[in-house]
């Protein structure tokens, strides 16, 4: 009930606008809805009758600007005070600009390569999947391609979630990857990889680097990208319809709890019922998650998730990549800008610096 999808709305408004109350919203916050131009902007005015602390600014205008470069230009031209998700390659330049502040907000979005655990071939073998994890230079990609907008995963869940337990990371060790492949008798392996373009921070460029890392340890990778709707329809399929061995995806729970992350490791979430396109399941994990999801004892629940974290990490149904950061850039003339890990900015109490 803490998710924004369940925010409190006026019962009278909901009744009078039974099918469209979001067009005339009346809530309980420090700002009141004033106007909306579809696809362009939403304007709010300060609620002078608000019961709590009143914000500084009388009016707040949210502009819809899909292009990252345009958002950045508006900020640098003093036509906007706050933007989210600037061009990631510009982050170092923005950090050096004393006219703006860069907040690398914490996120709960895990970026990973899902490994299809049901396809005929080596991806069924956890040792092979572990080799893939050792083969990828996560830190190097974060530094050179993401420009610091990520943190290497060291658990199946982000550290911002209840139920997180550090069990990794898989260090970059191509020699160990080669040895595991040799011990398993895996030579001249061919993998089909799908990856998105423009969905996640530097997704295509990072995918190209990952494929390069895999080729470096002797794996032949055939990569393919496509538009997002086609991509979803291609990777989120039942096992018998799967056409790829590995694919990049990101997952960001709405609530800061492992329950919503762990659905990606449960058979009940295999497509088409869910989005767990790795088709992974483990009876021990299924049992632990069923118990944790029903447990009201926080300490016991945390321990159950921790046990599941360890097993999932060892089973390696993903190439565990990074937890994506949520960059926010704002004018140095203001303060009080923050964020929460569900990839939301917080500017309610922003004010002049």
Foldseek 3Di string as FASTA:
>chain_A
DPFPVPADWDPVLCVVCVPPSVQQTDHQDQWHWDHDDPQFKTKIAGDPPRPDDHADDGMDMDTRDPDQCVQVVCQVVVVDFKDWDHQQVCVVVLCVDLQKHKDFAAAFKFKWKFFACPDPDDSVPLLLLLLLLLLAQQVVCCVPPRVVQWAFDQWLTDPLAQLDDGHDDNHNDLVVSLVSCVVVVNAAAEFEEEWEDPPARRTVVSVVRSCVSCVVSHYHYDYDYDYDVVVQVQQQAAPVRHDGRIYIDMDGDSDRYCLRSCLLQDQCQRPPNHRNSSNHYDVLLNVLSVCLVPDPDSVSNSVSSNVSRNVCNSSNSISRHTRGTIMMMGGPQKDDWHADRSNGIDCSHIDGD
